[in-house]
Amino acid sequence: MEQKEVKNLSFEQAMQELEAIVEKMEDGTLSLEESVQAYARGTELAKFCRGKLNAAEATIRKLESDGSLTPYLDDKEIPF
């Protein structure tokens, strides 16, 4: 199955895929090559999710500091 580029996923889609990867790796049925590929994809997904969470946290901090809800980072500005 063709994987979407991480940047084209929603946070929820990325988390769901990451959870599925973890389950596959934990069940011990992947070959070494599949495990390495799964690890690489999982790392990419985790980095993406961390960036989304950091952006959301920054938006909340801005809201708390000045009372206005404005995006701290545009998706295009997130470096991944």
C-alpha atoms as a PDB file:
ATOM      1  CA  MET A   1       0.000   0.000   0.000  1.00  0.00           C
ATOM      2  CA  GLU A   2       1.302   3.439  -0.975  1.00  0.00           C
ATOM      3  CA  GLN A   3       2.033   5.626   2.038  1.00  0.00           C
ATOM      4  CA  LYS A   4       1.030   9.271   2.039  1.00  0.00           C
ATOM      5  CA  GLU A   5       3.735  11.818   2.607  1.00  0.00           C
ATOM      6  CA  VAL A   6       3.750  12.647   6.288  1.00  0.00           C
ATOM      7  CA  LYS A   7       3.172  16.350   5.608  1.00  0.00           C
ATOM      8  CA  ASN A   8      -0.148  15.438   3.920  1.00  0.00           C
ATOM      9  CA  LEU A   9      -1.504  13.635   6.991  1.00  0.00           C
ATOM     10  CA  SER A  10      -3.590  15.089   9.771  1.00  0.00           C
ATOM     11  CA  PHE A  11      -2.281  14.752  13.304  1.00  0.00           C
ATOM     12  CA  GLU A  12      -4.867  12.054  13.985  1.00  0.00           C
ATOM     13  CA  GLN A  13      -3.941  10.075  10.861  1.00  0.00           C
ATOM     14  CA  ALA A  14      -0.255  10.239  11.753  1.00  0.00           C
ATOM     15  CA  MET A  15      -0.908   9.061  15.310  1.00  0.00           C
ATOM     16  CA  GLN A  16      -3.078   6.195  14.067  1.00  0.00           C
ATOM     17  CA  GLU A  17      -0.370   5.055  11.650  1.00  0.00           C
ATOM     18  CA  LEU A  18       2.286   5.390  14.345  1.00  0.00           C
ATOM     19  CA  GLU A  19       0.228   3.254  16.741  1.00  0.00           C
ATOM     20  CA  ALA A  20      -0.199   0.590  14.038  1.00  0.00           C
ATOM     21  CA  ILE A  21       3.558   0.554  13.416  1.00  0.00           C
ATOM     22  CA  VAL A  22       4.267   0.107  17.129  1.00  0.00           C
ATOM     23  CA  GLU A  23       1.797  -2.793  17.325  1.00  0.00           C
ATOM     24  CA  LYS A  24       3.409  -4.519  14.314  1.00  0.00           C
ATOM     25  CA  MET A  25       6.886  -4.080  15.754  1.00  0.00           C
ATOM     26  CA  GLU A  26       5.817  -5.357  19.169  1.00  0.00           C
ATOM     27  CA  ASP A  27       4.224  -8.526  17.803  1.00  0.00           C
ATOM     28  CA  GLY A  28       7.615  -9.653  16.480  1.00  0.00           C
ATOM     29  CA  THR A  29       6.479 -10.811  13.047  1.00  0.00           C
ATOM     30  CA  LEU A  30       8.361  -8.255  10.946  1.00  0.00           C
ATOM     31  CA  SER A  31      11.579  -9.194   9.216  1.00  0.00           C
ATOM     32  CA  LEU A  32      14.698  -7.199   9.994  1.00  0.00           C
ATOM     33  CA  GLU A  33      14.302  -5.140   6.816  1.00  0.00           C
ATOM     34  CA  GLU A  34      10.618  -4.486   7.541  1.00  0.00           C
ATOM     35  CA  SER A  35      11.495  -3.502  11.112  1.00  0.00           C
ATOM     36  CA  VAL A  36      14.081  -0.987   9.923  1.00  0.00           C
ATOM     37  CA  GLN A  37      11.589   0.495   7.433  1.00  0.00           C
ATOM     38  CA  ALA A  38       8.877   0.617  10.095  1.00  0.00           C
ATOM     39  CA  TYR A  39      11.278   2.293  12.528  1.00  0.00           C
ATOM     40  CA  ALA A  40      12.214   4.929   9.939  1.00  0.00           C
ATOM     41  CA  ARG A  41       8.563   5.676   9.140  1.00  0.00           C
ATOM     42  CA  GLY A  42       7.677   5.736  12.837  1.00  0.00           C
ATOM     43  CA  THR A  43      10.458   8.213  13.545  1.00  0.00           C
ATOM     44  CA  GLU A  44       9.199  10.461  10.755  1.00  0.00           C
ATOM     45  CA  LEU A  45       5.629  10.254  12.061  1.00  0.00           C
ATOM     46  CA  ALA A  46       6.713  10.958  15.653  1.00  0.00           C
ATOM     47  CA  LYS A  47       8.666  14.037  14.558  1.00  0.00           C
ATOM     48  CA  PHE A  48       5.641  15.297  12.605  1.00  0.00           C
ATOM     49  CA  CYS A  49       3.291  14.765  15.569  1.00  0.00           C
ATOM     50  CA  ARG A  50       5.728  16.452  17.958  1.00  0.00           C
ATOM     51  CA  GLY A  51       5.858  19.477  15.644  1.00  0.00           C
ATOM     52  CA  LYS A  52       2.060  19.679  15.497  1.00  0.00           C
ATOM     53  CA  LEU A  53       1.804  19.436  19.283  1.00  0.00           C
ATOM     54  CA  ASN A  54       4.486  22.085  19.766  1.00  0.00           C
ATOM     55  CA  ALA A  55       2.626  24.427  17.398  1.00  0.00           C
ATOM     56  CA  ALA A  56      -0.643  23.837  19.264  1.00  0.00           C
ATOM     57  CA  GLU A  57       1.059  24.472  22.589  1.00  0.00           C
ATOM     58  CA  ALA A  58       2.561  27.721  21.278  1.00  0.00           C
ATOM     59  CA  THR A  59      -0.876  28.839  20.070  1.00  0.00           C
ATOM     60  CA  ILE A  60      -2.363  28.138  23.499  1.00  0.00           C
ATOM     61  CA  ARG A  61       0.447  30.040  25.221  1.00  0.00           C
ATOM     62  CA  LYS A  62      -0.164  33.012  22.939  1.00  0.00           C
ATOM     63  CA  LEU A  63      -3.881  32.863  23.673  1.00  0.00           C
ATOM     64  CA  GLU A  64      -3.224  32.762  27.395  1.00  0.00           C
ATOM     65  CA  SER A  65      -0.814  35.688  27.224  1.00  0.00           C
ATOM     66  CA  ASP A  66      -2.826  38.159  25.159  1.00  0.00           C
ATOM     67  CA  GLY A  67      -6.355  36.772  25.005  1.00  0.00           C
ATOM     68  CA  SER A  68      -6.532  36.426  21.231  1.00  0.00           C
ATOM     69  CA  LEU A  69      -6.643  33.143  19.369  1.00  0.00           C
ATOM     70  CA  THR A  70      -4.271  33.432  16.451  1.00  0.00           C
ATOM     71  CA  PRO A  71      -2.194  30.598  14.997  1.00  0.00           C
ATOM     72  CA  TYR A  72       1.373  30.743  16.243  1.00  0.00           C
ATOM     73  CA  LEU A  73       2.697  28.811  13.256  1.00  0.00           C
ATOM     74  CA  ASP A  74       1.163  28.248   9.866  1.00  0.00           C
ATOM     75  CA  ASP A  75       1.457  24.615   8.714  1.00  0.00           C
ATOM     76  CA  LYS A  76       3.752  25.830   5.957  1.00  0.00           C
ATOM     77  CA  GLU A  77       6.174  27.206   8.564  1.00  0.00           C
ATOM     78  CA  ILE A  78       6.560  23.939  10.479  1.00  0.00           C
ATOM     79  CA  PRO A  79      10.034  22.631   9.532  1.00  0.00           C
ATOM     80  CA  PHE A  80       9.447  19.023   8.469  1.00  0.00           C
END
